[in-house]
Amino acid sequence: MKFYTLTDLNRASGEILDTALVEPVTLTKHGKGRLVVMNADHYRKLTERRGIQAFTLQDAPPAVMDELMTGLAQLPQS
């Protein structure tokens, strides 16, 4: 990830936007990250929630419970 200041955005907006098409760019002010500019496809990948499901212990399907219990059994005992 490349870093530019907000002042740089006024002077080199074309370069910054071209860079943001390839990789996320952080815009800083007073040395702190304030904004991130990235291409739309990258943003969509970060925000999509395809296939993610959440359950409580009471409503988890048996296959999910089996996977959870298998994972817990493999944890080291302290």
PDB file of N, CA and C in Angstrom:
ATOM      1  N   MET A   1       0.848  -1.170   0.000  1.00  0.00           N
ATOM      2  CA  MET A   1       0.000   0.000   0.000  1.00  0.00           C
ATOM      3  C   MET A   1       0.896   1.236   0.000  1.00  0.00           C
ATOM      4  N   LYS A   2       0.539   2.182  -0.853  1.00  0.00           N
ATOM      5  CA  LYS A   2       1.292   3.428  -0.916  1.00  0.00           C
ATOM      6  C   LYS A   2       0.595   4.494  -0.078  1.00  0.00           C
ATOM      7  N   PHE A   3       1.383   5.447   0.390  1.00  0.00           N
ATOM      8  CA  PHE A   3       0.872   6.526   1.234  1.00  0.00           C
ATOM      9  C   PHE A   3       1.137   7.870   0.558  1.00  0.00           C
ATOM     10  N   TYR A   4       0.140   8.723   0.577  1.00  0.00           N
ATOM     11  CA  TYR A   4       0.254  10.082   0.075  1.00  0.00           C
ATOM     12  C   TYR A   4      -0.419  11.002   1.089  1.00  0.00           C
ATOM     13  N   THR A   5      -0.013  12.262   1.101  1.00  0.00           N
ATOM     14  CA  THR A   5      -0.694  13.226   1.955  1.00  0.00           C
ATOM     15  C   THR A   5      -1.906  13.785   1.216  1.00  0.00           C
ATOM     16  N   LEU A   6      -2.806  14.387   1.980  1.00  0.00           N
ATOM     17  CA  LEU A   6      -3.945  15.032   1.339  1.00  0.00           C
ATOM     18  C   LEU A   6      -3.480  16.184   0.450  1.00  0.00           C
ATOM     19  N   THR A   7      -2.364  16.818   0.803  1.00  0.00           N
ATOM     20  CA  THR A   7      -1.795  17.864  -0.042  1.00  0.00           C
ATOM     21  C   THR A   7      -1.340  17.272  -1.375  1.00  0.00           C
ATOM     22  N   ASP A   8      -0.748  16.064  -1.331  1.00  0.00           N
ATOM     23  CA  ASP A   8      -0.340  15.393  -2.569  1.00  0.00           C
ATOM     24  C   ASP A   8      -1.531  15.189  -3.499  1.00  0.00           C
ATOM     25  N   LEU A   9      -2.696  14.970  -2.924  1.00  0.00           N
ATOM     26  CA  LEU A   9      -3.888  14.735  -3.739  1.00  0.00           C
ATOM     27  C   LEU A   9      -4.178  15.934  -4.635  1.00  0.00           C
ATOM     28  N   ASN A  10      -3.918  17.127  -4.143  1.00  0.00           N
ATOM     29  CA  ASN A  10      -4.120  18.337  -4.964  1.00  0.00           C
ATOM     30  C   ASN A  10      -3.097  18.428  -6.087  1.00  0.00           C
ATOM     31  N   ARG A  11      -1.859  17.989  -5.823  1.00  0.00           N
ATOM     32  CA  ARG A  11      -0.780  18.129  -6.801  1.00  0.00           C
ATOM     33  C   ARG A  11      -0.684  16.963  -7.775  1.00  0.00           C
ATOM     34  N   ALA A  12      -1.001  15.771  -7.319  1.00  0.00           N
ATOM     35  CA  ALA A  12      -0.762  14.574  -8.138  1.00  0.00           C
ATOM     36  C   ALA A  12      -1.965  13.646  -8.135  1.00  0.00           C
ATOM     37  N   SER A  13      -3.151  14.198  -8.299  1.00  0.00           N
ATOM     38  CA  SER A  13      -4.359  13.362  -8.219  1.00  0.00           C
ATOM     39  C   SER A  13      -4.367  12.262  -9.275  1.00  0.00           C
ATOM     40  N   GLY A  14      -3.883  12.558 -10.483  1.00  0.00           N
ATOM     41  CA  GLY A  14      -3.866  11.534 -11.534  1.00  0.00           C
ATOM     42  C   GLY A  14      -2.994  10.352 -11.155  1.00  0.00           C
ATOM     43  N   GLU A  15      -1.814  10.614 -10.646  1.00  0.00           N
ATOM     44  CA  GLU A  15      -0.897   9.542 -10.224  1.00  0.00           C
ATOM     45  C   GLU A  15      -1.501   8.724  -9.084  1.00  0.00           C
ATOM     46  N   ILE A  16      -2.096   9.427  -8.127  1.00  0.00           N
ATOM     47  CA  ILE A  16      -2.688   8.735  -6.973  1.00  0.00           C
ATOM     48  C   ILE A  16      -3.844   7.854  -7.425  1.00  0.00           C
ATOM     49  N   LEU A  17      -4.710   8.373  -8.280  1.00  0.00           N
ATOM     50  CA  LEU A  17      -5.847   7.575  -8.755  1.00  0.00           C
ATOM     51  C   LEU A  17      -5.392   6.399  -9.610  1.00  0.00           C
ATOM     52  N   ASP A  18      -4.366   6.597 -10.426  1.00  0.00           N
ATOM     53  CA  ASP A  18      -3.816   5.481 -11.209  1.00  0.00           C
ATOM     54  C   ASP A  18      -3.270   4.402 -10.288  1.00  0.00           C
ATOM     55  N   THR A  19      -2.584   4.810  -9.231  1.00  0.00           N
ATOM     56  CA  THR A  19      -2.051   3.848  -8.257  1.00  0.00           C
ATOM     57  C   THR A  19      -3.182   3.106  -7.566  1.00  0.00           C
ATOM     58  N   ALA A  20      -4.250   3.824  -7.218  1.00  0.00           N
ATOM     59  CA  ALA A  20      -5.378   3.220  -6.513  1.00  0.00           C
ATOM     60  C   ALA A  20      -6.103   2.177  -7.362  1.00  0.00           C
ATOM     61  N   LEU A  21      -5.965   2.258  -8.671  1.00  0.00           N
ATOM     62  CA  LEU A  21      -6.559   1.226  -9.523  1.00  0.00           C
ATOM     63  C   LEU A  21      -5.817  -0.100  -9.391  1.00  0.00           C
ATOM     64  N   VAL A  22      -4.537  -0.038  -8.992  1.00  0.00           N
ATOM     65  CA  VAL A  22      -3.692  -1.226  -8.885  1.00  0.00           C
ATOM     66  C   VAL A  22      -3.610  -1.738  -7.445  1.00  0.00           C
ATOM     67  N   GLU A  23      -3.546  -0.806  -6.483  1.00  0.00           N
ATOM     68  CA  GLU A  23      -3.425  -1.175  -5.074  1.00  0.00           C
ATOM     69  C   GLU A  23      -4.057  -0.077  -4.225  1.00  0.00           C
ATOM     70  N   PRO A  24      -4.532  -0.409  -3.033  1.00  0.00           N
ATOM     71  CA  PRO A  24      -5.103   0.628  -2.174  1.00  0.00           C
ATOM     72  C   PRO A  24      -4.069   1.705  -1.851  1.00  0.00           C
ATOM     73  N   VAL A  25      -4.554   2.920  -1.718  1.00  0.00           N
ATOM     74  CA  VAL A  25      -3.714   4.074  -1.392  1.00  0.00           C
ATOM     75  C   VAL A  25      -4.262   4.693  -0.110  1.00  0.00           C
ATOM     76  N   THR A  26      -3.377   4.979   0.841  1.00  0.00           N
ATOM     77  CA  THR A  26      -3.778   5.672   2.058  1.00  0.00           C
ATOM     78  C   THR A  26      -3.433   7.144   1.924  1.00  0.00           C
ATOM     79  N   LEU A  27      -4.414   7.987   2.221  1.00  0.00           N
ATOM     80  CA  LEU A  27      -4.190   9.429   2.228  1.00  0.00           C
ATOM     81  C   LEU A  27      -4.037   9.856   3.683  1.00  0.00           C
ATOM     82  N   THR A  28      -2.958  10.572   3.958  1.00  0.00           N
ATOM     83  CA  THR A  28      -2.649  10.935   5.342  1.00  0.00           C
ATOM     84  C   THR A  28      -2.778  12.441   5.556  1.00  0.00           C
ATOM     85  N   LYS A  29      -3.003  12.797   6.810  1.00  0.00           N
ATOM     86  CA  LYS A  29      -3.001  14.201   7.236  1.00  0.00           C
ATOM     87  C   LYS A  29      -2.302  14.238   8.586  1.00  0.00           C
ATOM     88  N   HIS A  30      -1.275  15.057   8.684  1.00  0.00           N
ATOM     89  CA  HIS A  30      -0.472  15.150   9.903  1.00  0.00           C
ATOM     90  C   HIS A  30       0.082  13.783  10.298  1.00  0.00           C
ATOM     91  N   GLY A  31       0.449  12.983   9.297  1.00  0.00           N
ATOM     92  CA  GLY A  31       1.076  11.697   9.549  1.00  0.00           C
ATOM     93  C   GLY A  31       0.132  10.570   9.912  1.00  0.00           C
ATOM     94  N   LYS A  32      -1.170  10.821   9.934  1.00  0.00           N
ATOM     95  CA  LYS A  32      -2.148   9.784  10.280  1.00  0.00           C
ATOM     96  C   LYS A  32      -3.006   9.459   9.072  1.00  0.00           C
ATOM     97  N   GLY A  33      -3.265   8.167   8.871  1.00  0.00           N
ATOM     98  CA  GLY A  33      -4.135   7.752   7.785  1.00  0.00           C
ATOM     99  C   GLY A  33      -5.538   8.286   7.981  1.00  0.00           C
ATOM    100  N   ARG A  34      -6.069   8.932   6.957  1.00  0.00           N
ATOM    101  CA  ARG A  34      -7.416   9.501   7.040  1.00  0.00           C
ATOM    102  C   ARG A  34      -8.392   8.838   6.076  1.00  0.00           C
ATOM    103  N   LEU A  35      -7.910   8.498   4.890  1.00  0.00           N
ATOM    104  CA  LEU A  35      -8.767   7.907   3.868  1.00  0.00           C
ATOM    105  C   LEU A  35      -8.016   6.808   3.142  1.00  0.00           C
ATOM    106  N   VAL A  36      -8.756   5.850   2.617  1.00  0.00           N
ATOM    107  CA  VAL A  36      -8.174   4.830   1.746  1.00  0.00           C
ATOM    108  C   VAL A  36      -8.932   4.879   0.428  1.00  0.00           C
ATOM    109  N   VAL A  37      -8.185   4.924  -0.661  1.00  0.00           N
ATOM    110  CA  VAL A  37      -8.766   4.923  -2.001  1.00  0.00           C
ATOM    111  C   VAL A  37      -8.376   3.605  -2.662  1.00  0.00           C
ATOM    112  N   MET A  38      -9.368   2.901  -3.215  1.00  0.00           N
ATOM    113  CA  MET A  38      -9.094   1.622  -3.872  1.00  0.00           C
ATOM    114  C   MET A  38     -10.072   1.431  -5.018  1.00  0.00           C
ATOM    115  N   ASN A  39      -9.746   0.477  -5.898  1.00  0.00           N
ATOM    116  CA  ASN A  39     -10.660   0.250  -7.007  1.00  0.00           C
ATOM    117  C   ASN A  39     -11.936  -0.435  -6.512  1.00  0.00           C
ATOM    118  N   ALA A  40     -12.997  -0.257  -7.255  1.00  0.00           N
ATOM    119  CA  ALA A  40     -14.319  -0.717  -6.840  1.00  0.00           C
ATOM    120  C   ALA A  40     -14.379  -2.237  -6.676  1.00  0.00           C
ATOM    121  N   ASP A  41     -13.705  -2.996  -7.536  1.00  0.00           N
ATOM    122  CA  ASP A  41     -13.723  -4.459  -7.410  1.00  0.00           C
ATOM    123  C   ASP A  41     -13.104  -4.901  -6.095  1.00  0.00           C
ATOM    124  N   HIS A  42     -11.997  -4.287  -5.726  1.00  0.00           N
ATOM    125  CA  HIS A  42     -11.346  -4.630  -4.456  1.00  0.00           C
ATOM    126  C   HIS A  42     -12.278  -4.314  -3.290  1.00  0.00           C
ATOM    127  N   TYR A  43     -12.936  -3.179  -3.337  1.00  0.00           N
ATOM    128  CA  TYR A  43     -13.870  -2.797  -2.278  1.00  0.00           C
ATOM    129  C   TYR A  43     -15.020  -3.801  -2.175  1.00  0.00           C
ATOM    130  N   ARG A  44     -15.579  -4.187  -3.329  1.00  0.00           N
ATOM    131  CA  ARG A  44     -16.682  -5.163  -3.319  1.00  0.00           C
ATOM    132  C   ARG A  44     -16.242  -6.484  -2.697  1.00  0.00           C
ATOM    133  N   LYS A  45     -15.028  -6.940  -3.016  1.00  0.00           N
ATOM    134  CA  LYS A  45     -14.537  -8.192  -2.438  1.00  0.00           C
ATOM    135  C   LYS A  45     -14.413  -8.093  -0.927  1.00  0.00           C
ATOM    136  N   LEU A  46     -14.013  -6.934  -0.442  1.00  0.00           N
ATOM    137  CA  LEU A  46     -13.876  -6.745   1.000  1.00  0.00           C
ATOM    138  C   LEU A  46     -15.221  -6.695   1.712  1.00  0.00           C
ATOM    139  N   THR A  47     -16.237  -6.196   1.030  1.00  0.00           N
ATOM    140  CA  THR A  47     -17.515  -5.991   1.700  1.00  0.00           C
ATOM    141  C   THR A  47     -18.551  -7.077   1.434  1.00  0.00           C
ATOM    142  N   GLU A  48     -18.309  -7.951   0.466  1.00  0.00           N
ATOM    143  CA  GLU A  48     -19.264  -9.031   0.202  1.00  0.00           C
ATOM    144  C   GLU A  48     -19.237 -10.035   1.339  1.00  0.00           C
ATOM    145  N   ARG A  49     -20.359 -10.616   1.585  1.00  0.00           N
ATOM    146  CA  ARG A  49     -20.471 -11.620   2.649  1.00  0.00           C
ATOM    147  C   ARG A  49     -21.039 -12.930   2.109  1.00  0.00           C
ATOM    148  N   ARG A  50     -20.607 -13.279   0.895  1.00  0.00           N
ATOM    149  CA  ARG A  50     -21.128 -14.510   0.289  1.00  0.00           C
ATOM    150  C   ARG A  50     -20.772 -15.727   1.126  1.00  0.00           C
ATOM    151  N   GLY A  51     -21.762 -16.530   1.409  1.00  0.00           N
ATOM    152  CA  GLY A  51     -21.527 -17.815   2.040  1.00  0.00           C
ATOM    153  C   GLY A  51     -21.234 -17.779   3.531  1.00  0.00           C
ATOM    154  N   ILE A  52     -21.228 -16.605   4.133  1.00  0.00           N
ATOM    155  CA  ILE A  52     -20.952 -16.527   5.565  1.00  0.00           C
ATOM    156  C   ILE A  52     -22.274 -16.620   6.305  1.00  0.00           C
ATOM    157  N   GLN A  53     -22.319 -17.527   7.259  1.00  0.00           N
ATOM    158  CA  GLN A  53     -23.522 -17.696   8.062  1.00  0.00           C
ATOM    159  C   GLN A  53     -23.124 -17.696   9.529  1.00  0.00           C
ATOM    160  N   ALA A  54     -24.045 -17.285  10.374  1.00  0.00           N
ATOM    161  CA  ALA A  54     -23.802 -17.285  11.813  1.00  0.00           C
ATOM    162  C   ALA A  54     -24.937 -18.035  12.494  1.00  0.00           C
ATOM    163  N   PHE A  55     -24.595 -18.756  13.541  1.00  0.00           N
ATOM    164  CA  PHE A  55     -25.577 -19.531  14.293  1.00  0.00           C
ATOM    165  C   PHE A  55     -25.319 -19.350  15.780  1.00  0.00           C
ATOM    166  N   THR A  56     -26.346 -19.563  16.570  1.00  0.00           N
ATOM    167  CA  THR A  56     -26.148 -19.715  18.006  1.00  0.00           C
ATOM    168  C   THR A  56     -25.938 -21.196  18.259  1.00  0.00           C
ATOM    169  N   LEU A  57     -25.487 -21.540  19.428  1.00  0.00           N
ATOM    170  CA  LEU A  57     -25.314 -22.964  19.744  1.00  0.00           C
ATOM    171  C   LEU A  57     -26.646 -23.707  19.680  1.00  0.00           C
ATOM    172  N   GLN A  58     -27.733 -23.011  19.962  1.00  0.00           N
ATOM    173  CA  GLN A  58     -29.045 -23.662  19.971  1.00  0.00           C
ATOM    174  C   GLN A  58     -29.579 -23.938  18.571  1.00  0.00           C
ATOM    175  N   ASP A  59     -29.213 -23.105  17.586  1.00  0.00           N
ATOM    176  CA  ASP A  59     -29.807 -23.308  16.260  1.00  0.00           C
ATOM    177  C   ASP A  59     -28.815 -23.769  15.187  1.00  0.00           C
ATOM    178  N   ALA A  60     -27.584 -24.100  15.574  1.00  0.00           N
ATOM    179  CA  ALA A  60     -26.589 -24.553  14.598  1.00  0.00           C
ATOM    180  C   ALA A  60     -26.983 -25.921  14.043  1.00  0.00           C
ATOM    181  N   PRO A  61     -26.868 -26.121  12.744  1.00  0.00           N
ATOM    182  CA  PRO A  61     -27.156 -27.424  12.148  1.00  0.00           C
ATOM    183  C   PRO A  61     -26.165 -28.474  12.678  1.00  0.00           C
ATOM    184  N   PRO A  62     -26.547 -29.740  12.646  1.00  0.00           N
ATOM    185  CA  PRO A  62     -25.672 -30.800  13.157  1.00  0.00           C
ATOM    186  C   PRO A  62     -24.280 -30.803  12.523  1.00  0.00           C
ATOM    187  N   ALA A  63     -24.173 -30.546  11.232  1.00  0.00           N
ATOM    188  CA  ALA A  63     -22.861 -30.561  10.578  1.00  0.00           C
ATOM    189  C   ALA A  63     -21.962 -29.459  11.128  1.00  0.00           C
ATOM    190  N   VAL A  64     -22.539 -28.308  11.417  1.00  0.00           N
ATOM    191  CA  VAL A  64     -21.759 -27.205  11.982  1.00  0.00           C
ATOM    192  C   VAL A  64     -21.330 -27.547  13.402  1.00  0.00           C
ATOM    193  N   MET A  65     -22.228 -28.125  14.172  1.00  0.00           N
ATOM    194  CA  MET A  65     -21.891 -28.531  15.550  1.00  0.00           C
ATOM    195  C   MET A  65     -20.792 -29.580  15.547  1.00  0.00           C
ATOM    196  N   ASP A  66     -20.866 -30.542  14.628  1.00  0.00           N
ATOM    197  CA  ASP A  66     -19.828 -31.576  14.541  1.00  0.00           C
ATOM    198  C   ASP A  66     -18.475 -30.952  14.229  1.00  0.00           C
ATOM    199  N   GLU A  67     -18.449 -30.006  13.295  1.00  0.00           N
ATOM    200  CA  GLU A  67     -17.197 -29.343  12.935  1.00  0.00           C
ATOM    201  C   GLU A  67     -16.645 -28.538  14.111  1.00  0.00           C
ATOM    202  N   LEU A  68     -17.521 -27.862  14.820  1.00  0.00           N
ATOM    203  CA  LEU A  68     -17.109 -27.092  15.992  1.00  0.00           C
ATOM    204  C   LEU A  68     -16.525 -28.004  17.064  1.00  0.00           C
ATOM    205  N   MET A  69     -17.201 -29.091  17.354  1.00  0.00           N
ATOM    206  CA  MET A  69     -16.733 -30.000  18.396  1.00  0.00           C
ATOM    207  C   MET A  69     -15.412 -30.658  17.999  1.00  0.00           C
ATOM    208  N   THR A  70     -15.245 -30.989  16.732  1.00  0.00           N
ATOM    209  CA  THR A  70     -13.979 -31.558  16.242  1.00  0.00           C
ATOM    210  C   THR A  70     -12.848 -30.553  16.436  1.00  0.00           C
ATOM    211  N   GLY A  71     -13.091 -29.294  16.082  1.00  0.00           N
ATOM    212  CA  GLY A  71     -12.087 -28.250  16.255  1.00  0.00           C
ATOM    213  C   GLY A  71     -11.740 -28.032  17.710  1.00  0.00           C
ATOM    214  N   LEU A  72     -12.731 -28.034  18.576  1.00  0.00           N
ATOM    215  CA  LEU A  72     -12.473 -27.857  20.004  1.00  0.00           C
ATOM    216  C   LEU A  72     -11.663 -29.019  20.575  1.00  0.00           C
ATOM    217  N   ALA A  73     -11.958 -30.227  20.119  1.00  0.00           N
ATOM    218  CA  ALA A  73     -11.231 -31.405  20.597  1.00  0.00           C
ATOM    219  C   ALA A  73      -9.762 -31.370  20.192  1.00  0.00           C
ATOM    220  N   GLN A  74      -9.445 -30.670  19.102  1.00  0.00           N
ATOM    221  CA  GLN A  74      -8.056 -30.617  18.614  1.00  0.00           C
ATOM    222  C   GLN A  74      -7.237 -29.525  19.301  1.00  0.00           C
ATOM    223  N   LEU A  75      -7.879 -28.663  20.066  1.00  0.00           N
ATOM    224  CA  LEU A  75      -7.130 -27.621  20.768  1.00  0.00           C
ATOM    225  C   LEU A  75      -6.280 -28.231  21.877  1.00  0.00           C
ATOM    226  N   PRO A  76      -5.092 -27.701  22.092  1.00  0.00           N
ATOM    227  CA  PRO A  76      -4.244 -28.217  23.166  1.00  0.00           C
ATOM    228  C   PRO A  76      -4.897 -27.984  24.528  1.00  0.00           C
ATOM    229  N   GLN A  77      -4.767 -28.936  25.383  1.00  0.00           N
ATOM    230  CA  GLN A  77      -5.298 -28.829  26.744  1.00  0.00           C
ATOM    231  C   GLN A  77      -4.304 -28.086  27.621  1.00  0.00           C
ATOM    232  N   SER A  78      -4.786 -27.195  28.462  1.00  0.00           N
ATOM    233  CA  SER A  78      -3.861 -26.501  29.371  1.00  0.00           C
ATOM    234  C   SER A  78      -4.101 -26.862  30.800  1.00  0.00           C
TER     235      SER A  78
END
